[in-house]
PDB file of all heavy atoms in Angstrom:
ATOM      1  N   HIS A   1    -102.425 -48.060   2.747  1.00  0.00           N
ATOM      2  CA  HIS A   1    -102.145 -46.700   2.270  1.00  0.00           C
ATOM      3  C   HIS A   1    -103.417 -46.063   1.706  1.00  0.00           C
ATOM      4  O   HIS A   1    -103.731 -44.901   2.006  1.00  0.00           O
ATOM      5  CB  HIS A   1    -101.051 -46.727   1.205  1.00  0.00           C
ATOM      6  CG  HIS A   1    -100.671 -45.366   0.701  1.00  0.00           C
ATOM      7  ND1 HIS A   1    -100.034 -44.431   1.506  1.00  0.00           N
ATOM      8  CD2 HIS A   1    -100.868 -44.762  -0.505  1.00  0.00           C
ATOM      9  CE1 HIS A   1     -99.839 -43.322   0.807  1.00  0.00           C
ATOM     10  NE2 HIS A   1    -100.340 -43.495  -0.416  1.00  0.00           N
ATOM     11  N   LYS A   2    -104.162 -46.820   0.927  1.00  0.00           N
ATOM     12  CA  LYS A   2    -105.417 -46.314   0.359  1.00  0.00           C
ATOM     13  C   LYS A   2    -106.429 -46.035   1.472  1.00  0.00           C
ATOM     14  O   LYS A   2    -107.153 -45.029   1.434  1.00  0.00           O
ATOM     15  CB  LYS A   2    -105.989 -47.329  -0.630  1.00  0.00           C
ATOM     16  CG  LYS A   2    -107.190 -46.832  -1.425  1.00  0.00           C
ATOM     17  CD  LYS A   2    -107.511 -47.809  -2.544  1.00  0.00           C
ATOM     18  CE  LYS A   2    -108.599 -47.267  -3.457  1.00  0.00           C
ATOM     19  NZ  LYS A   2    -109.892 -47.163  -2.799  1.00  0.00           N
ATOM     20  N   LEU A   3    -106.469 -46.902   2.469  1.00  0.00           N
ATOM     21  CA  LEU A   3    -107.356 -46.698   3.612  1.00  0.00           C
ATOM     22  C   LEU A   3    -107.017 -45.392   4.329  1.00  0.00           C
ATOM     23  O   LEU A   3    -107.909 -44.594   4.660  1.00  0.00           O
ATOM     24  CB  LEU A   3    -107.248 -47.876   4.581  1.00  0.00           C
ATOM     25  CG  LEU A   3    -107.933 -47.718   5.948  1.00  0.00           C
ATOM     26  CD1 LEU A   3    -109.436 -47.525   5.782  1.00  0.00           C
ATOM     27  CD2 LEU A   3    -107.643 -48.927   6.836  1.00  0.00           C
ATOM     28  N   GLU A   4    -105.740 -45.183   4.547  1.00  0.00           N
ATOM     29  CA  GLU A   4    -105.310 -43.946   5.216  1.00  0.00           C
ATOM     30  C   GLU A   4    -105.717 -42.719   4.404  1.00  0.00           C
ATOM     31  O   GLU A   4    -106.174 -41.708   4.962  1.00  0.00           O
ATOM     32  CB  GLU A   4    -103.796 -43.970   5.424  1.00  0.00           C
ATOM     33  CG  GLU A   4    -103.337 -44.989   6.449  1.00  0.00           C
ATOM     34  CD  GLU A   4    -101.832 -45.145   6.472  1.00  0.00           C
ATOM     35  OE1 GLU A   4    -101.147 -44.451   5.681  1.00  0.00           O
ATOM     36  OE2 GLU A   4    -101.330 -45.955   7.267  1.00  0.00           O
ATOM     37  N   GLU A   5    -105.540 -42.786   3.112  1.00  0.00           N
ATOM     38  CA  GLU A   5    -105.910 -41.656   2.248  1.00  0.00           C
ATOM     39  C   GLU A   5    -107.404 -41.354   2.361  1.00  0.00           C
ATOM     40  O   GLU A   5    -107.804 -40.188   2.442  1.00  0.00           O
ATOM     41  CB  GLU A   5    -105.535 -41.955   0.801  1.00  0.00           C
ATOM     42  CG  GLU A   5    -104.037 -41.938   0.525  1.00  0.00           C
ATOM     43  CD  GLU A   5    -103.729 -42.226  -0.935  1.00  0.00           C
ATOM     44  OE1 GLU A   5    -104.612 -42.794  -1.630  1.00  0.00           O
ATOM     45  OE2 GLU A   5    -102.622 -41.888  -1.387  1.00  0.00           O
ATOM     46  N   GLU A   6    -108.218 -42.385   2.361  1.00  0.00           N
ATOM     47  CA  GLU A   6    -109.666 -42.173   2.428  1.00  0.00           C
ATOM     48  C   GLU A   6    -110.077 -41.625   3.795  1.00  0.00           C
ATOM     49  O   GLU A   6    -110.988 -40.786   3.874  1.00  0.00           O
ATOM     50  CB  GLU A   6    -110.396 -43.491   2.139  1.00  0.00           C
ATOM     51  CG  GLU A   6    -110.273 -43.933   0.689  1.00  0.00           C
ATOM     52  CD  GLU A   6    -111.111 -45.160   0.390  1.00  0.00           C
ATOM     53  OE1 GLU A   6    -112.104 -45.398   1.103  1.00  0.00           O
ATOM     54  OE2 GLU A   6    -110.773 -45.884  -0.580  1.00  0.00           O
ATOM     55  N   LEU A   7    -109.414 -42.082   4.837  1.00  0.00           N
ATOM     56  CA  LEU A   7    -109.727 -41.559   6.171  1.00  0.00           C
ATOM     57  C   LEU A   7    -109.325 -40.096   6.292  1.00  0.00           C
ATOM     58  O   LEU A   7    -110.058 -39.275   6.853  1.00  0.00           O
ATOM     59  CB  LEU A   7    -109.020 -42.393   7.244  1.00  0.00           C
ATOM     60  CG  LEU A   7    -109.560 -43.811   7.467  1.00  0.00           C
ATOM     61  CD1 LEU A   7    -108.640 -44.581   8.404  1.00  0.00           C
ATOM     62  CD2 LEU A   7    -110.979 -43.766   8.036  1.00  0.00           C
ATOM     63  N   LEU A   8    -108.162 -39.756   5.741  1.00  0.00           N
ATOM     64  CA  LEU A   8    -107.691 -38.373   5.804  1.00  0.00           C
ATOM     65  C   LEU A   8    -108.548 -37.442   4.956  1.00  0.00           C
ATOM     66  O   LEU A   8    -108.629 -36.240   5.221  1.00  0.00           O
ATOM     67  CB  LEU A   8    -106.233 -38.297   5.338  1.00  0.00           C
ATOM     68  CG  LEU A   8    -105.196 -38.894   6.295  1.00  0.00           C
ATOM     69  CD1 LEU A   8    -103.832 -38.977   5.625  1.00  0.00           C
ATOM     70  CD2 LEU A   8    -105.103 -38.072   7.578  1.00  0.00           C
ATOM     71  N   ALA A   9    -109.187 -37.998   3.953  1.00  0.00           N
ATOM     72  CA  ALA A   9    -110.019 -37.187   3.062  1.00  0.00           C
ATOM     73  C   ALA A   9    -111.373 -36.849   3.673  1.00  0.00           C
ATOM     74  O   ALA A   9    -112.082 -35.969   3.176  1.00  0.00           O
ATOM     75  CB  ALA A   9    -110.213 -37.909   1.728  1.00  0.00           C
ATOM     76  N   LEU A  10    -111.753 -37.508   4.749  1.00  0.00           N
ATOM     77  CA  LEU A  10    -113.026 -37.236   5.403  1.00  0.00           C
ATOM     78  C   LEU A  10    -113.004 -35.846   6.039  1.00  0.00           C
ATOM     79  O   LEU A  10    -112.049 -35.477   6.719  1.00  0.00           O
ATOM     80  CB  LEU A  10    -113.322 -38.285   6.475  1.00  0.00           C
ATOM     81  CG  LEU A  10    -113.576 -39.721   5.995  1.00  0.00           C
ATOM     82  CD1 LEU A  10    -113.667 -40.664   7.186  1.00  0.00           C
ATOM     83  CD2 LEU A  10    -114.853 -39.784   5.168  1.00  0.00           C
ATOM     84  N   LYS A  11    -114.049 -35.111   5.843  1.00  0.00           N
ATOM     85  CA  LYS A  11    -114.171 -33.769   6.408  1.00  0.00           C
ATOM     86  C   LYS A  11    -114.996 -33.832   7.694  1.00  0.00           C
ATOM     87  O   LYS A  11    -116.161 -34.234   7.665  1.00  0.00           O
ATOM     88  CB  LYS A  11    -114.829 -32.816   5.408  1.00  0.00           C
ATOM     89  CG  LYS A  11    -114.116 -32.745   4.061  1.00  0.00           C
ATOM     90  CD  LYS A  11    -112.667 -32.246   4.204  1.00  0.00           C
ATOM     91  CE  LYS A  11    -111.991 -32.135   2.833  1.00  0.00           C
ATOM     92  NZ  LYS A  11    -110.570 -31.739   2.950  1.00  0.00           N
ATOM     93  N   SER A  12    -114.396 -33.433   8.804  1.00  0.00           N
ATOM     94  CA  SER A  12    -115.077 -33.493  10.112  1.00  0.00           C
ATOM     95  C   SER A  12    -115.786 -34.831  10.295  1.00  0.00           C
ATOM     96  O   SER A  12    -117.011 -34.892  10.470  1.00  0.00           O
ATOM     97  CB  SER A  12    -116.084 -32.335  10.235  1.00  0.00           C
ATOM     98  OG  SER A  12    -115.452 -31.094  10.087  1.00  0.00           O
ATOM     99  N   PRO A  13    -115.044 -35.915  10.229  1.00  0.00           N
ATOM    100  CA  PRO A  13    -115.681 -37.237  10.224  1.00  0.00           C
ATOM    101  C   PRO A  13    -116.330 -37.607  11.557  1.00  0.00           C
ATOM    102  O   PRO A  13    -115.825 -37.274  12.628  1.00  0.00           O
ATOM    103  CB  PRO A  13    -114.512 -38.177   9.925  1.00  0.00           C
ATOM    104  CG  PRO A  13    -113.311 -37.459  10.471  1.00  0.00           C
ATOM    105  CD  PRO A  13    -113.575 -36.016  10.181  1.00  0.00           C
ATOM    106  N   SER A  14    -117.442 -38.276  11.452  1.00  0.00           N
ATOM    107  CA  SER A  14    -118.085 -38.842  12.630  1.00  0.00           C
ATOM    108  C   SER A  14    -117.598 -40.283  12.785  1.00  0.00           C
ATOM    109  O   SER A  14    -116.947 -40.835  11.898  1.00  0.00           O
ATOM    110  CB  SER A  14    -119.606 -38.839  12.447  1.00  0.00           C
ATOM    111  OG  SER A  14    -119.970 -39.698  11.369  1.00  0.00           O
ATOM    112  N   ALA A  15    -117.934 -40.886  13.921  1.00  0.00           N
ATOM    113  CA  ALA A  15    -117.574 -42.285  14.131  1.00  0.00           C
ATOM    114  C   ALA A  15    -118.206 -43.155  13.050  1.00  0.00           C
ATOM    115  O   ALA A  15    -117.602 -44.131  12.581  1.00  0.00           O
ATOM    116  CB  ALA A  15    -118.031 -42.737  15.513  1.00  0.00           C
ATOM    117  N   GLU A  16    -119.413 -42.789  12.640  1.00  0.00           N
ATOM    118  CA  GLU A  16    -120.102 -43.554  11.611  1.00  0.00           C
ATOM    119  C   GLU A  16    -119.385 -43.445  10.273  1.00  0.00           C
ATOM    120  O   GLU A  16    -119.301 -44.421   9.517  1.00  0.00           O
ATOM    121  CB  GLU A  16    -121.548 -43.063  11.460  1.00  0.00           C
ATOM    122  CG  GLU A  16    -122.468 -43.409  12.621  1.00  0.00           C
ATOM    123  CD  GLU A  16    -122.204 -42.559  13.870  1.00  0.00           C
ATOM    124  OE1 GLU A  16    -121.545 -41.497  13.749  1.00  0.00           O
ATOM    125  OE2 GLU A  16    -122.652 -42.970  14.956  1.00  0.00           O
ATOM    126  N   ASP A  17    -118.852 -42.255   9.976  1.00  0.00           N
ATOM    127  CA  ASP A  17    -118.109 -42.063   8.724  1.00  0.00           C
ATOM    128  C   ASP A  17    -116.872 -42.950   8.698  1.00  0.00           C
ATOM    129  O   ASP A  17    -116.563 -43.596   7.682  1.00  0.00           O
ATOM    130  CB  ASP A  17    -117.684 -40.602   8.566  1.00  0.00           C
ATOM    131  CG  ASP A  17    -118.862 -39.662   8.390  1.00  0.00           C
ATOM    132  OD1 ASP A  17    -119.910 -40.116   7.894  1.00  0.00           O
ATOM    133  OD2 ASP A  17    -118.730 -38.480   8.777  1.00  0.00           O
ATOM    134  N   ILE A  18    -116.142 -42.952   9.792  1.00  0.00           N
ATOM    135  CA  ILE A  18    -114.914 -43.754   9.879  1.00  0.00           C
ATOM    136  C   ILE A  18    -115.251 -45.239   9.781  1.00  0.00           C
ATOM    137  O   ILE A  18    -114.598 -45.988   9.045  1.00  0.00           O
ATOM    138  CB  ILE A  18    -114.177 -43.455  11.205  1.00  0.00           C
ATOM    139  CG1 ILE A  18    -113.708 -42.000  11.216  1.00  0.00           C
ATOM    140  CG2 ILE A  18    -112.996 -44.409  11.404  1.00  0.00           C
ATOM    141  CD1 ILE A  18    -113.190 -41.528  12.553  1.00  0.00           C
ATOM    142  N   ALA A  19    -116.283 -45.649  10.501  1.00  0.00           N
ATOM    143  CA  ALA A  19    -116.695 -47.051  10.454  1.00  0.00           C
ATOM    144  C   ALA A  19    -117.089 -47.455   9.037  1.00  0.00           C
ATOM    145  O   ALA A  19    -116.781 -48.567   8.590  1.00  0.00           O
ATOM    146  CB  ALA A  19    -117.868 -47.285  11.403  1.00  0.00           C
ATOM    147  N   GLY A  20    -117.733 -46.557   8.327  1.00  0.00           N
ATOM    148  CA  GLY A  20    -118.141 -46.855   6.961  1.00  0.00           C
ATOM    149  C   GLY A  20    -116.959 -47.123   6.051  1.00  0.00           C
ATOM    150  O   GLY A  20    -116.983 -48.059   5.243  1.00  0.00           O
ATOM    151  N   VAL A  21    -115.914 -46.306   6.170  1.00  0.00           N
ATOM    152  CA  VAL A  21    -114.706 -46.505   5.354  1.00  0.00           C
ATOM    153  C   VAL A  21    -114.038 -47.827   5.705  1.00  0.00           C
ATOM    154  O   VAL A  21    -113.646 -48.608   4.825  1.00  0.00           O
ATOM    155  CB  VAL A  21    -113.717 -45.343   5.555  1.00  0.00           C
ATOM    156  CG1 VAL A  21    -112.392 -45.640   4.852  1.00  0.00           C
ATOM    157  CG2 VAL A  21    -114.309 -44.043   5.029  1.00  0.00           C
ATOM    158  N   LEU A  22    -113.914 -48.081   7.001  1.00  0.00           N
ATOM    159  CA  LEU A  22    -113.276 -49.317   7.441  1.00  0.00           C
ATOM    160  C   LEU A  22    -114.054 -50.545   6.980  1.00  0.00           C
ATOM    161  O   LEU A  22    -113.477 -51.536   6.513  1.00  0.00           O
ATOM    162  CB  LEU A  22    -113.149 -49.326   8.968  1.00  0.00           C
ATOM    163  CG  LEU A  22    -112.159 -48.324   9.568  1.00  0.00           C
ATOM    164  CD1 LEU A  22    -112.276 -48.324  11.088  1.00  0.00           C
ATOM    165  CD2 LEU A  22    -110.735 -48.657   9.161  1.00  0.00           C
ATOM    166  N   GLU A  23    -115.372 -50.488   7.098  1.00  0.00           N
ATOM    167  CA  GLU A  23    -116.195 -51.626   6.710  1.00  0.00           C
ATOM    168  C   GLU A  23    -116.159 -51.859   5.198  1.00  0.00           C
ATOM    169  O   GLU A  23    -116.227 -53.001   4.721  1.00  0.00           O
ATOM    170  CB  GLU A  23    -117.625 -51.414   7.202  1.00  0.00           C
ATOM    171  CG  GLU A  23    -117.750 -51.607   8.711  1.00  0.00           C
ATOM    172  CD  GLU A  23    -119.005 -50.991   9.295  1.00  0.00           C
ATOM    173  OE1 GLU A  23    -119.893 -50.605   8.504  1.00  0.00           O
ATOM    174  OE2 GLU A  23    -119.099 -50.883  10.530  1.00  0.00           O
ATOM    175  N   SER A  24    -116.032 -50.777   4.446  1.00  0.00           N
ATOM    176  CA  SER A  24    -115.927 -50.893   2.994  1.00  0.00           C
ATOM    177  C   SER A  24    -114.657 -51.641   2.607  1.00  0.00           C
ATOM    178  O   SER A  24    -114.674 -52.543   1.761  1.00  0.00           O
ATOM    179  CB  SER A  24    -115.942 -49.510   2.349  1.00  0.00           C
ATOM    180  OG  SER A  24    -115.672 -49.582   0.956  1.00  0.00           O
ATOM    181  N   HIS A  25    -113.544 -51.274   3.253  1.00  0.00           N
ATOM    182  CA  HIS A  25    -112.275 -51.946   2.962  1.00  0.00           C
ATOM    183  C   HIS A  25    -112.295 -53.392   3.450  1.00  0.00           C
ATOM    184  O   HIS A  25    -111.741 -54.280   2.800  1.00  0.00           O
ATOM    185  CB  HIS A  25    -111.124 -51.177   3.612  1.00  0.00           C
ATOM    186  CG  HIS A  25    -110.641 -50.025   2.794  1.00  0.00           C
ATOM    187  ND1 HIS A  25    -109.568 -50.103   1.947  1.00  0.00           N
ATOM    188  CD2 HIS A  25    -111.123 -48.757   2.678  1.00  0.00           C
ATOM    189  CE1 HIS A  25    -109.382 -48.938   1.348  1.00  0.00           C
ATOM    190  NE2 HIS A  25    -110.323 -48.098   1.775  1.00  0.00           N
TER     191      HIS A  25
END
């Protein structure tokens, strides 16, 4: 749930942005 929230909070996310969130979790 927290992961989803952080992904949804990204503004115009790039693949690198998404990968960064996933790798952090």
